[in-house]
Amino acid sequence: TLTTNESSVLTIQTGEVKNQYTITFYD
């Protein structure tokens, strides 16, 4: 977890954590 000086939080997943993703491509 990274925290900025505005106290917003960004979580970066590392390792083998699996999540659901949608992959889409357009012409």
mmCIF file of all heavy atoms, coordinates in Angstrom:
data_MODEL
# 
_entry.id   MODEL 
# 
loop_
_atom_site.group_PDB 
_atom_site.id 
_atom_site.type_symbol 
_atom_site.label_atom_id 
_atom_site.label_alt_id 
_atom_site.label_comp_id 
_atom_site.label_asym_id 
_atom_site.label_entity_id 
_atom_site.label_seq_id 
_atom_site.pdbx_PDB_ins_code 
_atom_site.Cartn_x 
_atom_site.Cartn_y 
_atom_site.Cartn_z 
_atom_site.occupancy 
_atom_site.B_iso_or_equiv 
_atom_site.pdbx_formal_charge 
_atom_site.auth_seq_id 
_atom_site.auth_comp_id 
_atom_site.auth_asym_id 
_atom_site.auth_atom_id 
_atom_site.pdbx_PDB_model_num 
ATOM 1   N N   . THR A 1 1  ? 0.836   -1.187  0.000   1.00 0.00 ? 1  THR A N   1 
ATOM 2   C CA  . THR A 1 1  ? 0.000   0.000   0.000   1.00 0.00 ? 1  THR A CA  1 
ATOM 3   C C   . THR A 1 1  ? 0.875   1.241   0.000   1.00 0.00 ? 1  THR A C   1 
ATOM 4   O O   . THR A 1 1  ? 1.788   1.361   0.804   1.00 0.00 ? 1  THR A O   1 
ATOM 5   C CB  . THR A 1 1  ? -0.923  0.024   1.235   1.00 0.00 ? 1  THR A CB  1 
ATOM 6   O OG1 . THR A 1 1  ? -1.726  -1.156  1.220   1.00 0.00 ? 1  THR A OG1 1 
ATOM 7   C CG2 . THR A 1 1  ? -1.824  1.238   1.224   1.00 0.00 ? 1  THR A CG2 1 
ATOM 8   N N   . LEU A 1 2  ? 0.590   2.143   -0.926  1.00 0.00 ? 2  LEU A N   1 
ATOM 9   C CA  . LEU A 1 2  ? 1.303   3.408   -1.018  1.00 0.00 ? 2  LEU A CA  1 
ATOM 10  C C   . LEU A 1 2  ? 0.369   4.516   -0.564  1.00 0.00 ? 2  LEU A C   1 
ATOM 11  O O   . LEU A 1 2  ? -0.796  4.543   -0.938  1.00 0.00 ? 2  LEU A O   1 
ATOM 12  C CB  . LEU A 1 2  ? 1.735   3.669   -2.464  1.00 0.00 ? 2  LEU A CB  1 
ATOM 13  C CG  . LEU A 1 2  ? 2.583   2.582   -3.117  1.00 0.00 ? 2  LEU A CG  1 
ATOM 14  C CD1 . LEU A 1 2  ? 2.823   2.925   -4.579  1.00 0.00 ? 2  LEU A CD1 1 
ATOM 15  C CD2 . LEU A 1 2  ? 3.898   2.421   -2.396  1.00 0.00 ? 2  LEU A CD2 1 
ATOM 16  N N   . THR A 1 3  ? 0.858   5.441   0.223   1.00 0.00 ? 3  THR A N   1 
ATOM 17  C CA  . THR A 1 3  ? 0.041   6.547   0.704   1.00 0.00 ? 3  THR A CA  1 
ATOM 18  C C   . THR A 1 3  ? 0.688   7.861   0.291   1.00 0.00 ? 3  THR A C   1 
ATOM 19  O O   . THR A 1 3  ? 1.875   8.063   0.486   1.00 0.00 ? 3  THR A O   1 
ATOM 20  C CB  . THR A 1 3  ? -0.090  6.507   2.242   1.00 0.00 ? 3  THR A CB  1 
ATOM 21  O OG1 . THR A 1 3  ? -0.568  5.230   2.624   1.00 0.00 ? 3  THR A OG1 1 
ATOM 22  C CG2 . THR A 1 3  ? -1.046  7.568   2.729   1.00 0.00 ? 3  THR A CG2 1 
ATOM 23  N N   . THR A 1 4  ? -0.098  8.761   -0.290  1.00 0.00 ? 4  THR A N   1 
ATOM 24  C CA  . THR A 1 4  ? 0.415   10.074  -0.675  1.00 0.00 ? 4  THR A CA  1 
ATOM 25  C C   . THR A 1 4  ? 0.191   11.061  0.450   1.00 0.00 ? 4  THR A C   1 
ATOM 26  O O   . THR A 1 4  ? -0.471  10.752  1.440   1.00 0.00 ? 4  THR A O   1 
ATOM 27  C CB  . THR A 1 4  ? -0.300  10.599  -1.941  1.00 0.00 ? 4  THR A CB  1 
ATOM 28  O OG1 . THR A 1 4  ? -1.659  10.850  -1.610  1.00 0.00 ? 4  THR A OG1 1 
ATOM 29  C CG2 . THR A 1 4  ? -0.205  9.602   -3.078  1.00 0.00 ? 4  THR A CG2 1 
ATOM 30  N N   . ASN A 1 5  ? 0.706   12.280  0.300   1.00 0.00 ? 5  ASN A N   1 
ATOM 31  C CA  . ASN A 1 5  ? 0.537   13.277  1.352   1.00 0.00 ? 5  ASN A CA  1 
ATOM 32  C C   . ASN A 1 5  ? -0.908  13.745  1.482   1.00 0.00 ? 5  ASN A C   1 
ATOM 33  O O   . ASN A 1 5  ? -1.268  14.376  2.465   1.00 0.00 ? 5  ASN A O   1 
ATOM 34  C CB  . ASN A 1 5  ? 1.485   14.466  1.147   1.00 0.00 ? 5  ASN A CB  1 
ATOM 35  C CG  . ASN A 1 5  ? 1.297   15.141  -0.189  1.00 0.00 ? 5  ASN A CG  1 
ATOM 36  O OD1 . ASN A 1 5  ? 0.477   14.709  -0.992  1.00 0.00 ? 5  ASN A OD1 1 
ATOM 37  N ND2 . ASN A 1 5  ? 2.062   16.183  -0.429  1.00 0.00 ? 5  ASN A ND2 1 
ATOM 38  N N   . GLU A 1 6  ? -1.775  13.444  0.496   1.00 0.00 ? 6  GLU A N   1 
ATOM 39  C CA  . GLU A 1 6  ? -3.190  13.777  0.614   1.00 0.00 ? 6  GLU A CA  1 
ATOM 40  C C   . GLU A 1 6  ? -3.970  12.651  1.299   1.00 0.00 ? 6  GLU A C   1 
ATOM 41  O O   . GLU A 1 6  ? -5.177  12.697  1.383   1.00 0.00 ? 6  GLU A O   1 
ATOM 42  C CB  . GLU A 1 6  ? -3.820  14.029  -0.757  1.00 0.00 ? 6  GLU A CB  1 
ATOM 43  C CG  . GLU A 1 6  ? -3.328  15.286  -1.444  1.00 0.00 ? 6  GLU A CG  1 
ATOM 44  C CD  . GLU A 1 6  ? -2.104  15.018  -2.289  1.00 0.00 ? 6  GLU A CD  1 
ATOM 45  O OE1 . GLU A 1 6  ? -1.865  13.849  -2.670  1.00 0.00 ? 6  GLU A OE1 1 
ATOM 46  O OE2 . GLU A 1 6  ? -1.354  15.962  -2.552  1.00 0.00 ? 6  GLU A OE2 1 
ATOM 47  N N   . SER A 1 7  ? -3.279  11.605  1.731   1.00 0.00 ? 7  SER A N   1 
ATOM 48  C CA  . SER A 1 7  ? -3.863  10.460  2.429   1.00 0.00 ? 7  SER A CA  1 
ATOM 49  C C   . SER A 1 7  ? -4.713  9.571   1.530   1.00 0.00 ? 7  SER A C   1 
ATOM 50  O O   . SER A 1 7  ? -5.470  8.754   2.028   1.00 0.00 ? 7  SER A O   1 
ATOM 51  C CB  . SER A 1 7  ? -4.696  10.908  3.637   1.00 0.00 ? 7  SER A CB  1 
ATOM 52  O OG  . SER A 1 7  ? -3.869  11.569  4.556   1.00 0.00 ? 7  SER A OG  1 
ATOM 53  N N   . SER A 1 8  ? -4.607  9.723   0.219   1.00 0.00 ? 8  SER A N   1 
ATOM 54  C CA  . SER A 1 8  ? -5.283  8.761   -0.642  1.00 0.00 ? 8  SER A CA  1 
ATOM 55  C C   . SER A 1 8  ? -4.416  7.510   -0.699  1.00 0.00 ? 8  SER A C   1 
ATOM 56  O O   . SER A 1 8  ? -3.220  7.556   -0.513  1.00 0.00 ? 8  SER A O   1 
ATOM 57  C CB  . SER A 1 8  ? -5.515  9.348   -2.034  1.00 0.00 ? 8  SER A CB  1 
ATOM 58  O OG  . SER A 1 8  ? -4.303  9.728   -2.612  1.00 0.00 ? 8  SER A OG  1 
ATOM 59  N N   . VAL A 1 9  ? -5.056  6.385   -0.931  1.00 0.00 ? 9  VAL A N   1 
ATOM 60  C CA  . VAL A 1 9  ? -4.349  5.113   -0.850  1.00 0.00 ? 9  VAL A CA  1 
ATOM 61  C C   . VAL A 1 9  ? -4.453  4.386   -2.184  1.00 0.00 ? 9  VAL A C   1 
ATOM 62  O O   . VAL A 1 9  ? -5.516  4.296   -2.770  1.00 0.00 ? 9  VAL A O   1 
ATOM 63  C CB  . VAL A 1 9  ? -4.937  4.237   0.275   1.00 0.00 ? 9  VAL A CB  1 
ATOM 64  C CG1 . VAL A 1 9  ? -4.279  2.865   0.296   1.00 0.00 ? 9  VAL A CG1 1 
ATOM 65  C CG2 . VAL A 1 9  ? -4.774  4.933   1.612   1.00 0.00 ? 9  VAL A CG2 1 
ATOM 66  N N   . LEU A 1 10 ? -3.330  3.862   -2.637  1.00 0.00 ? 10 LEU A N   1 
ATOM 67  C CA  . LEU A 1 10 ? -3.265  3.047   -3.834  1.00 0.00 ? 10 LEU A CA  1 
ATOM 68  C C   . LEU A 1 10 ? -2.693  1.698   -3.418  1.00 0.00 ? 10 LEU A C   1 
ATOM 69  O O   . LEU A 1 10 ? -1.622  1.634   -2.829  1.00 0.00 ? 10 LEU A O   1 
ATOM 70  C CB  . LEU A 1 10 ? -2.352  3.699   -4.876  1.00 0.00 ? 10 LEU A CB  1 
ATOM 71  C CG  . LEU A 1 10 ? -1.986  2.879   -6.095  1.00 0.00 ? 10 LEU A CG  1 
ATOM 72  C CD1 . LEU A 1 10 ? -3.244  2.603   -6.922  1.00 0.00 ? 10 LEU A CD1 1 
ATOM 73  C CD2 . LEU A 1 10 ? -0.956  3.607   -6.919  1.00 0.00 ? 10 LEU A CD2 1 
ATOM 74  N N   . THR A 1 11 ? -3.417  0.633   -3.693  1.00 0.00 ? 11 THR A N   1 
ATOM 75  C CA  . THR A 1 11 ? -2.938  -0.698  -3.352  1.00 0.00 ? 11 THR A CA  1 
ATOM 76  C C   . THR A 1 11 ? -2.477  -1.393  -4.617  1.00 0.00 ? 11 THR A C   1 
ATOM 77  O O   . THR A 1 11 ? -3.213  -1.454  -5.598  1.00 0.00 ? 11 THR A O   1 
ATOM 78  C CB  . THR A 1 11 ? -4.043  -1.529  -2.677  1.00 0.00 ? 11 THR A CB  1 
ATOM 79  O OG1 . THR A 1 11 ? -4.439  -0.848  -1.489  1.00 0.00 ? 11 THR A OG1 1 
ATOM 80  C CG2 . THR A 1 11 ? -3.554  -2.921  -2.326  1.00 0.00 ? 11 THR A CG2 1 
ATOM 81  N N   . ILE A 1 12 ? -1.257  -1.895  -4.588  1.00 0.00 ? 12 ILE A N   1 
ATOM 82  C CA  . ILE A 1 12 ? -0.692  -2.602  -5.724  1.00 0.00 ? 12 ILE A CA  1 
ATOM 83  C C   . ILE A 1 12 ? -0.623  -4.076  -5.363  1.00 0.00 ? 12 ILE A C   1 
ATOM 84  O O   . ILE A 1 12 ? -0.002  -4.447  -4.373  1.00 0.00 ? 12 ILE A O   1 
ATOM 85  C CB  . ILE A 1 12 ? 0.716   -2.069  -6.053  1.00 0.00 ? 12 ILE A CB  1 
ATOM 86  C CG1 . ILE A 1 12 ? 0.638   -0.586  -6.402  1.00 0.00 ? 12 ILE A CG1 1 
ATOM 87  C CG2 . ILE A 1 12 ? 1.342   -2.874  -7.179  1.00 0.00 ? 12 ILE A CG2 1 
ATOM 88  C CD1 . ILE A 1 12 ? 1.985   0.073   -6.547  1.00 0.00 ? 12 ILE A CD1 1 
ATOM 89  N N   . GLN A 1 13 ? -1.268  -4.903  -6.157  1.00 0.00 ? 13 GLN A N   1 
ATOM 90  C CA  . GLN A 1 13 ? -1.266  -6.335  -5.898  1.00 0.00 ? 13 GLN A CA  1 
ATOM 91  C C   . GLN A 1 13 ? 0.042   -6.930  -6.399  1.00 0.00 ? 13 GLN A C   1 
ATOM 92  O O   . GLN A 1 13 ? 0.458   -6.675  -7.515  1.00 0.00 ? 13 GLN A O   1 
ATOM 93  C CB  . GLN A 1 13 ? -2.438  -7.018  -6.613  1.00 0.00 ? 13 GLN A CB  1 
ATOM 94  C CG  . GLN A 1 13 ? -3.793  -6.555  -6.149  1.00 0.00 ? 13 GLN A CG  1 
ATOM 95  C CD  . GLN A 1 13 ? -4.083  -6.952  -4.713  1.00 0.00 ? 13 GLN A CD  1 
ATOM 96  O OE1 . GLN A 1 13 ? -3.510  -7.888  -4.180  1.00 0.00 ? 13 GLN A OE1 1 
ATOM 97  N NE2 . GLN A 1 13 ? -4.977  -6.231  -4.074  1.00 0.00 ? 13 GLN A NE2 1 
ATOM 98  N N   . THR A 1 14 ? 0.680   -7.704  -5.566  1.00 0.00 ? 14 THR A N   1 
ATOM 99  C CA  . THR A 1 14 ? 1.901   -8.395  -5.946  1.00 0.00 ? 14 THR A CA  1 
ATOM 100 C C   . THR A 1 14 ? 1.738   -9.871  -5.634  1.00 0.00 ? 14 THR A C   1 
ATOM 101 O O   . THR A 1 14 ? 0.858   -10.265 -4.882  1.00 0.00 ? 14 THR A O   1 
ATOM 102 C CB  . THR A 1 14 ? 3.115   -7.835  -5.185  1.00 0.00 ? 14 THR A CB  1 
ATOM 103 O OG1 . THR A 1 14 ? 2.883   -7.975  -3.796  1.00 0.00 ? 14 THR A OG1 1 
ATOM 104 C CG2 . THR A 1 14 ? 3.359   -6.381  -5.519  1.00 0.00 ? 14 THR A CG2 1 
ATOM 105 N N   . GLY A 1 15 ? 2.590   -10.679 -6.195  1.00 0.00 ? 15 GLY A N   1 
ATOM 106 C CA  . GLY A 1 15 ? 2.521   -12.100 -5.919  1.00 0.00 ? 15 GLY A CA  1 
ATOM 107 C C   . GLY A 1 15 ? 1.464   -12.787 -6.758  1.00 0.00 ? 15 GLY A C   1 
ATOM 108 O O   . GLY A 1 15 ? 1.186   -12.398 -7.881  1.00 0.00 ? 15 GLY A O   1 
ATOM 109 N N   . GLU A 1 16 ? 0.845   -13.797 -6.194  1.00 0.00 ? 16 GLU A N   1 
ATOM 110 C CA  . GLU A 1 16 ? -0.067  -14.660 -6.933  1.00 0.00 ? 16 GLU A CA  1 
ATOM 111 C C   . GLU A 1 16 ? -1.544  -14.360 -6.672  1.00 0.00 ? 16 GLU A C   1 
ATOM 112 O O   . GLU A 1 16 ? -2.371  -15.253 -6.759  1.00 0.00 ? 16 GLU A O   1 
ATOM 113 C CB  . GLU A 1 16 ? 0.246   -16.121 -6.609  1.00 0.00 ? 16 GLU A CB  1 
ATOM 114 C CG  . GLU A 1 16 ? 1.622   -16.551 -7.066  1.00 0.00 ? 16 GLU A CG  1 
ATOM 115 C CD  . GLU A 1 16 ? 1.807   -16.436 -8.569  1.00 0.00 ? 16 GLU A CD  1 
ATOM 116 O OE1 . GLU A 1 16 ? 0.897   -16.823 -9.329  1.00 0.00 ? 16 GLU A OE1 1 
ATOM 117 O OE2 . GLU A 1 16 ? 2.861   -15.916 -8.983  1.00 0.00 ? 16 GLU A OE2 1 
ATOM 118 N N   . VAL A 1 17 ? -1.888  -13.141 -6.337  1.00 0.00 ? 17 VAL A N   1 
ATOM 119 C CA  . VAL A 1 17 ? -3.282  -12.780 -6.105  1.00 0.00 ? 17 VAL A CA  1 
ATOM 120 C C   . VAL A 1 17 ? -4.004  -12.751 -7.452  1.00 0.00 ? 17 VAL A C   1 
ATOM 121 O O   . VAL A 1 17 ? -3.596  -12.053 -8.369  1.00 0.00 ? 17 VAL A O   1 
ATOM 122 C CB  . VAL A 1 17 ? -3.395  -11.403 -5.416  1.00 0.00 ? 17 VAL A CB  1 
ATOM 123 C CG1 . VAL A 1 17 ? -4.848  -11.000 -5.283  1.00 0.00 ? 17 VAL A CG1 1 
ATOM 124 C CG2 . VAL A 1 17 ? -2.712  -11.427 -4.065  1.00 0.00 ? 17 VAL A CG2 1 
ATOM 125 N N   . LYS A 1 18 ? -5.071  -13.535 -7.553  1.00 0.00 ? 18 LYS A N   1 
ATOM 126 C CA  . LYS A 1 18 ? -5.838  -13.568 -8.796  1.00 0.00 ? 18 LYS A CA  1 
ATOM 127 C C   . LYS A 1 18 ? -7.117  -12.764 -8.622  1.00 0.00 ? 18 LYS A C   1 
ATOM 128 O O   . LYS A 1 18 ? -7.782  -12.851 -7.601  1.00 0.00 ? 18 LYS A O   1 
ATOM 129 C CB  . LYS A 1 18 ? -6.163  -15.002 -9.197  1.00 0.00 ? 18 LYS A CB  1 
ATOM 130 C CG  . LYS A 1 18 ? -4.924  -15.761 -9.611  1.00 0.00 ? 18 LYS A CG  1 
ATOM 131 C CD  . LYS A 1 18 ? -5.267  -17.075 -10.253 1.00 0.00 ? 18 LYS A CD  1 
ATOM 132 C CE  . LYS A 1 18 ? -3.971  -17.728 -10.722 1.00 0.00 ? 18 LYS A CE  1 
ATOM 133 N NZ  . LYS A 1 18 ? -4.238  -18.835 -11.615 1.00 0.00 ? 18 LYS A NZ  1 
ATOM 134 N N   . ASN A 1 19 ? -7.411  -11.970 -9.635  1.00 0.00 ? 19 ASN A N   1 
ATOM 135 C CA  . ASN A 1 19 ? -8.630  -11.177 -9.678  1.00 0.00 ? 19 ASN A CA  1 
ATOM 136 C C   . ASN A 1 19 ? -9.303  -11.381 -11.017 1.00 0.00 ? 19 ASN A C   1 
ATOM 137 O O   . ASN A 1 19 ? -8.714  -11.914 -11.954 1.00 0.00 ? 19 ASN A O   1 
ATOM 138 C CB  . ASN A 1 19 ? -8.313  -9.690  -9.484  1.00 0.00 ? 19 ASN A CB  1 
ATOM 139 C CG  . ASN A 1 19 ? -7.965  -9.368  -8.060  1.00 0.00 ? 19 ASN A CG  1 
ATOM 140 O OD1 . ASN A 1 19 ? -8.758  -9.554  -7.151  1.00 0.00 ? 19 ASN A OD1 1 
ATOM 141 N ND2 . ASN A 1 19 ? -6.750  -8.883  -7.838  1.00 0.00 ? 19 ASN A ND2 1 
ATOM 142 N N   . GLN A 1 20 ? -10.530 -10.918 -11.108 1.00 0.00 ? 20 GLN A N   1 
ATOM 143 C CA  . GLN A 1 20 ? -11.261 -10.992 -12.363 1.00 0.00 ? 20 GLN A CA  1 
ATOM 144 C C   . GLN A 1 20 ? -10.969 -9.753  -13.186 1.00 0.00 ? 20 GLN A C   1 
ATOM 145 O O   . GLN A 1 20 ? -11.060 -8.629  -12.690 1.00 0.00 ? 20 GLN A O   1 
ATOM 146 C CB  . GLN A 1 20 ? -12.759 -11.101 -12.093 1.00 0.00 ? 20 GLN A CB  1 
ATOM 147 C CG  . GLN A 1 20 ? -13.581 -11.255 -13.354 1.00 0.00 ? 20 GLN A CG  1 
ATOM 148 C CD  . GLN A 1 20 ? -15.019 -11.561 -13.041 1.00 0.00 ? 20 GLN A CD  1 
ATOM 149 O OE1 . GLN A 1 20 ? -15.313 -12.529 -12.342 1.00 0.00 ? 20 GLN A OE1 1 
ATOM 150 N NE2 . GLN A 1 20 ? -15.910 -10.740 -13.539 1.00 0.00 ? 20 GLN A NE2 1 
ATOM 151 N N   . TYR A 1 21 ? -10.612 -9.960  -14.444 1.00 0.00 ? 21 TYR A N   1 
ATOM 152 C CA  . TYR A 1 21 ? -10.327 -8.887  -15.390 1.00 0.00 ? 21 TYR A CA  1 
ATOM 153 C C   . TYR A 1 21 ? -11.166 -9.075  -16.646 1.00 0.00 ? 21 TYR A C   1 
ATOM 154 O O   . TYR A 1 21 ? -11.446 -10.209 -17.039 1.00 0.00 ? 21 TYR A O   1 
ATOM 155 C CB  . TYR A 1 21 ? -8.851  -8.887  -15.813 1.00 0.00 ? 21 TYR A CB  1 
ATOM 156 C CG  . TYR A 1 21 ? -7.899  -8.523  -14.709 1.00 0.00 ? 21 TYR A CG  1 
ATOM 157 C CD1 . TYR A 1 21 ? -7.403  -9.483  -13.838 1.00 0.00 ? 21 TYR A CD1 1 
ATOM 158 C CD2 . TYR A 1 21 ? -7.484  -7.205  -14.533 1.00 0.00 ? 21 TYR A CD2 1 
ATOM 159 C CE1 . TYR A 1 21 ? -6.525  -9.151  -12.816 1.00 0.00 ? 21 TYR A CE1 1 
ATOM 160 C CE2 . TYR A 1 21 ? -6.609  -6.866  -13.514 1.00 0.00 ? 21 TYR A CE2 1 
ATOM 161 C CZ  . TYR A 1 21 ? -6.130  -7.848  -12.662 1.00 0.00 ? 21 TYR A CZ  1 
ATOM 162 O OH  . TYR A 1 21 ? -5.267  -7.510  -11.655 1.00 0.00 ? 21 TYR A OH  1 
ATOM 163 N N   . THR A 1 22 ? -11.548 -7.979  -17.266 1.00 0.00 ? 22 THR A N   1 
ATOM 164 C CA  . THR A 1 22 ? -12.193 -8.015  -18.567 1.00 0.00 ? 22 THR A CA  1 
ATOM 165 C C   . THR A 1 22 ? -11.211 -7.463  -19.587 1.00 0.00 ? 22 THR A C   1 
ATOM 166 O O   . THR A 1 22 ? -10.668 -6.368  -19.394 1.00 0.00 ? 22 THR A O   1 
ATOM 167 C CB  . THR A 1 22 ? -13.486 -7.182  -18.578 1.00 0.00 ? 22 THR A CB  1 
ATOM 168 O OG1 . THR A 1 22 ? -14.391 -7.722  -17.612 1.00 0.00 ? 22 THR A OG1 1 
ATOM 169 C CG2 . THR A 1 22 ? -14.137 -7.191  -19.949 1.00 0.00 ? 22 THR A CG2 1 
ATOM 170 N N   . ILE A 1 23 ? -10.975 -8.241  -20.644 1.00 0.00 ? 23 ILE A N   1 
ATOM 171 C CA  . ILE A 1 23 ? -10.080 -7.826  -21.724 1.00 0.00 ? 23 ILE A CA  1 
ATOM 172 C C   . ILE A 1 23 ? -10.953 -7.511  -22.928 1.00 0.00 ? 23 ILE A C   1 
ATOM 173 O O   . ILE A 1 23 ? -11.741 -8.356  -23.368 1.00 0.00 ? 23 ILE A O   1 
ATOM 174 C CB  . ILE A 1 23 ? -9.083  -8.944  -22.081 1.00 0.00 ? 23 ILE A CB  1 
ATOM 175 C CG1 . ILE A 1 23 ? -8.246  -9.338  -20.863 1.00 0.00 ? 23 ILE A CG1 1 
ATOM 176 C CG2 . ILE A 1 23 ? -8.195  -8.509  -23.243 1.00 0.00 ? 23 ILE A CG2 1 
ATOM 177 C CD1 . ILE A 1 23 ? -7.395  -10.578 -21.072 1.00 0.00 ? 23 ILE A CD1 1 
ATOM 178 N N   . THR A 1 24 ? -10.846 -6.295  -23.447 1.00 0.00 ? 24 THR A N   1 
ATOM 179 C CA  . THR A 1 24 ? -11.598 -5.912  -24.644 1.00 0.00 ? 24 THR A CA  1 
ATOM 180 C C   . THR A 1 24 ? -10.667 -5.216  -25.625 1.00 0.00 ? 24 THR A C   1 
ATOM 181 O O   . THR A 1 24 ? -9.774  -4.469  -25.231 1.00 0.00 ? 24 THR A O   1 
ATOM 182 C CB  . THR A 1 24 ? -12.769 -4.965  -24.319 1.00 0.00 ? 24 THR A CB  1 
ATOM 183 O OG1 . THR A 1 24 ? -12.282 -3.868  -23.548 1.00 0.00 ? 24 THR A OG1 1 
ATOM 184 C CG2 . THR A 1 24 ? -13.860 -5.655  -23.547 1.00 0.00 ? 24 THR A CG2 1 
ATOM 185 N N   . PHE A 1 25 ? -10.901 -5.483  -26.900 1.00 0.00 ? 25 PHE A N   1 
ATOM 186 C CA  . PHE A 1 25 ? -10.158 -4.819  -27.971 1.00 0.00 ? 25 PHE A CA  1 
ATOM 187 C C   . PHE A 1 25 ? -11.126 -4.323  -29.029 1.00 0.00 ? 25 PHE A C   1 
ATOM 188 O O   . PHE A 1 25 ? -12.143 -4.963  -29.301 1.00 0.00 ? 25 PHE A O   1 
ATOM 189 C CB  . PHE A 1 25 ? -9.131  -5.770  -28.608 1.00 0.00 ? 25 PHE A CB  1 
ATOM 190 C CG  . PHE A 1 25 ? -7.877  -5.911  -27.793 1.00 0.00 ? 25 PHE A CG  1 
ATOM 191 C CD1 . PHE A 1 25 ? -7.725  -6.960  -26.921 1.00 0.00 ? 25 PHE A CD1 1 
ATOM 192 C CD2 . PHE A 1 25 ? -6.868  -4.973  -27.899 1.00 0.00 ? 25 PHE A CD2 1 
ATOM 193 C CE1 . PHE A 1 25 ? -6.582  -7.087  -26.158 1.00 0.00 ? 25 PHE A CE1 1 
ATOM 194 C CE2 . PHE A 1 25 ? -5.719  -5.088  -27.146 1.00 0.00 ? 25 PHE A CE2 1 
ATOM 195 C CZ  . PHE A 1 25 ? -5.575  -6.152  -26.270 1.00 0.00 ? 25 PHE A CZ  1 
ATOM 196 N N   . TYR A 1 26 ? -10.766 -3.174  -29.613 1.00 0.00 ? 26 TYR A N   1 
ATOM 197 C CA  . TYR A 1 26 ? -11.575 -2.528  -30.632 1.00 0.00 ? 26 TYR A CA  1 
ATOM 198 C C   . TYR A 1 26 ? -10.720 -2.251  -31.858 1.00 0.00 ? 26 TYR A C   1 
ATOM 199 O O   . TYR A 1 26 ? -9.523  -1.980  -31.736 1.00 0.00 ? 26 TYR A O   1 
ATOM 200 C CB  . TYR A 1 26 ? -12.134 -1.195  -30.104 1.00 0.00 ? 26 TYR A CB  1 
ATOM 201 C CG  . TYR A 1 26 ? -13.038 -1.365  -28.919 1.00 0.00 ? 26 TYR A CG  1 
ATOM 202 C CD1 . TYR A 1 26 ? -12.520 -1.407  -27.629 1.00 0.00 ? 26 TYR A CD1 1 
ATOM 203 C CD2 . TYR A 1 26 ? -14.409 -1.494  -29.081 1.00 0.00 ? 26 TYR A CD2 1 
ATOM 204 C CE1 . TYR A 1 26 ? -13.346 -1.574  -26.532 1.00 0.00 ? 26 TYR A CE1 1 
ATOM 205 C CE2 . TYR A 1 26 ? -15.248 -1.654  -27.981 1.00 0.00 ? 26 TYR A CE2 1 
ATOM 206 C CZ  . TYR A 1 26 ? -14.698 -1.697  -26.710 1.00 0.00 ? 26 TYR A CZ  1 
ATOM 207 O OH  . TYR A 1 26 ? -15.520 -1.866  -25.622 1.00 0.00 ? 26 TYR A OH  1 
ATOM 208 N N   . ASP A 1 27 ? -11.358 -2.286  -33.025 1.00 0.00 ? 27 ASP A N   1 
ATOM 209 C CA  . ASP A 1 27 ? -10.685 -1.920  -34.268 1.00 0.00 ? 27 ASP A CA  1 
ATOM 210 C C   . ASP A 1 27 ? -10.315 -0.446  -34.200 1.00 0.00 ? 27 ASP A C   1 
ATOM 211 O O   . ASP A 1 27 ? -11.155 0.393   -33.864 1.00 0.00 ? 27 ASP A O   1 
ATOM 212 C CB  . ASP A 1 27 ? -11.606 -2.191  -35.461 1.00 0.00 ? 27 ASP A CB  1 
ATOM 213 C CG  . ASP A 1 27 ? -10.949 -1.893  -36.782 1.00 0.00 ? 27 ASP A CG  1 
ATOM 214 O OD1 . ASP A 1 27 ? -10.863 -0.682  -37.141 1.00 0.00 ? 27 ASP A OD1 1 
ATOM 215 O OD2 . ASP A 1 27 ? -10.522 -2.847  -37.449 1.00 0.00 ? 27 ASP A OD2 1 
# 
